[in-house]
Amino acid sequence: MHYEYKTRGTCSQEISFDLDGDKVSNIKFVGGCNGNLKAISKLLEGASVDYIEEKLKGNTCGFRRTSCADQLAIAVRQAYDESREKA
């Protein structure tokens, strides 16, 4: 299933990704630090929701309380939880 998540408190405005069970793929960020976010997307291709959350949740950027990586962790967890509720 394809998901789109509007970020909060980051330079990126949106994250899109596909979720198949608990595996995440096709991660794309709109805005933000282009090179770094492309690298994160490649490194996490096929990773589980738990793995992404474990590695990225709570990561901050400068003075902000969140980051693009933290927002990704939030987005994939939210999508996964919503997909399980529908099942």
Protein backbone atom coordinates (compact mmCIF):
# COMPACT_ATOMS: atom_id res chain seq x y z
CA MET A 1 0.00 0.00 0.00
CA HIS A 2 1.26 3.49 -0.84
CA TYR A 3 1.31 6.18 1.87
CA GLU A 4 1.96 9.91 1.95
CA TYR A 5 2.77 11.72 5.17
CA LYS A 6 2.87 15.49 5.70
CA THR A 7 5.85 16.24 7.91
CA ARG A 8 5.80 18.61 10.87
CA GLY A 9 8.69 20.80 12.03
CA THR A 10 11.18 19.83 9.31
CA CYS A 11 12.59 21.20 6.07
CA SER A 12 10.98 18.37 4.12
CA GLN A 13 7.27 18.81 3.51
CA GLU A 14 6.21 15.27 2.71
CA ILE A 15 7.37 11.66 2.83
CA SER A 16 5.93 8.97 0.58
CA PHE A 17 6.59 5.24 0.82
CA ASP A 18 5.14 1.82 0.19
CA LEU A 19 4.30 -0.61 2.97
CA ASP A 20 4.00 -4.35 2.40
CA GLY A 21 3.25 -6.00 5.73
CA ASP A 22 5.93 -4.47 7.95
CA LYS A 23 8.45 -3.84 5.13
CA VAL A 24 9.01 -0.31 3.83
CA SER A 25 10.14 0.53 0.30
CA ASN A 26 10.20 3.37 -2.26
CA ILE A 27 10.86 6.04 0.38
CA LYS A 28 10.83 9.54 -1.11
CA PHE A 29 11.12 12.92 0.60
CA VAL A 30 9.85 16.22 -0.81
CA GLY A 31 12.21 18.99 0.31
CA GLY A 32 14.86 18.68 2.97
CA CYS A 33 18.54 17.82 2.57
CA ASN A 34 18.40 16.07 -0.78
CA GLY A 35 21.60 14.01 -0.64
CA ASN A 36 21.19 12.89 2.95
CA LEU A 37 17.56 11.93 2.48
CA LYS A 38 18.32 9.98 -0.70
CA ALA A 39 20.97 8.07 1.25
CA ILE A 40 18.56 7.32 4.11
CA SER A 41 16.01 6.09 1.58
CA LYS A 42 18.52 3.72 0.00
CA LEU A 43 19.80 2.42 3.32
CA LEU A 44 16.30 1.66 4.58
CA GLU A 45 14.92 0.03 1.41
CA GLY A 46 13.16 -3.15 2.55
CA ALA A 47 13.66 -2.44 6.26
CA SER A 48 10.98 -3.27 8.80
CA VAL A 49 8.89 -0.68 10.60
CA ASP A 50 10.42 -1.78 13.93
CA TYR A 51 13.96 -1.38 12.59
CA ILE A 52 13.29 2.11 11.20
CA GLU A 53 11.61 3.19 14.42
CA GLU A 54 14.43 1.74 16.56
CA LYS A 55 17.14 3.52 14.58
CA LEU A 56 15.51 6.88 13.81
CA LYS A 57 12.80 7.70 16.37
CA GLY A 58 13.80 10.68 18.51
CA ASN A 59 16.57 11.87 16.19
CA THR A 60 16.69 15.68 16.22
CA CYS A 61 17.99 18.27 13.75
CA GLY A 62 19.75 21.31 15.17
CA PHE A 63 17.49 23.11 17.63
CA ARG A 64 14.36 21.30 16.42
CA ARG A 65 12.68 18.59 18.49
CA THR A 66 12.35 16.40 15.40
CA SER A 67 14.10 15.68 12.12
CA CYS A 68 13.27 14.24 8.72
CA ALA A 69 14.51 10.86 10.00
CA ASP A 70 12.31 11.11 13.11
CA GLN A 71 9.34 12.07 10.94
CA LEU A 72 9.97 8.99 8.78
CA ALA A 73 9.90 6.78 11.89
CA ILE A 74 6.62 8.38 12.95
CA ALA A 75 5.14 8.05 9.46
CA VAL A 76 5.93 4.36 8.98
CA ARG A 77 4.66 3.46 12.46
CA GLN A 78 1.43 5.37 11.87
CA ALA A 79 0.89 3.73 8.47
CA TYR A 80 1.63 0.27 9.87
CA ASP A 81 -0.74 0.73 12.80
CA GLU A 82 -3.50 2.02 10.51
CA SER A 83 -3.00 -0.92 8.13
CA ARG A 84 -3.37 -3.39 11.00
CA GLU A 85 -6.57 -1.69 12.20
CA LYS A 86 -8.11 -2.12 8.75
CA ALA A 87 -7.19 -5.82 8.56
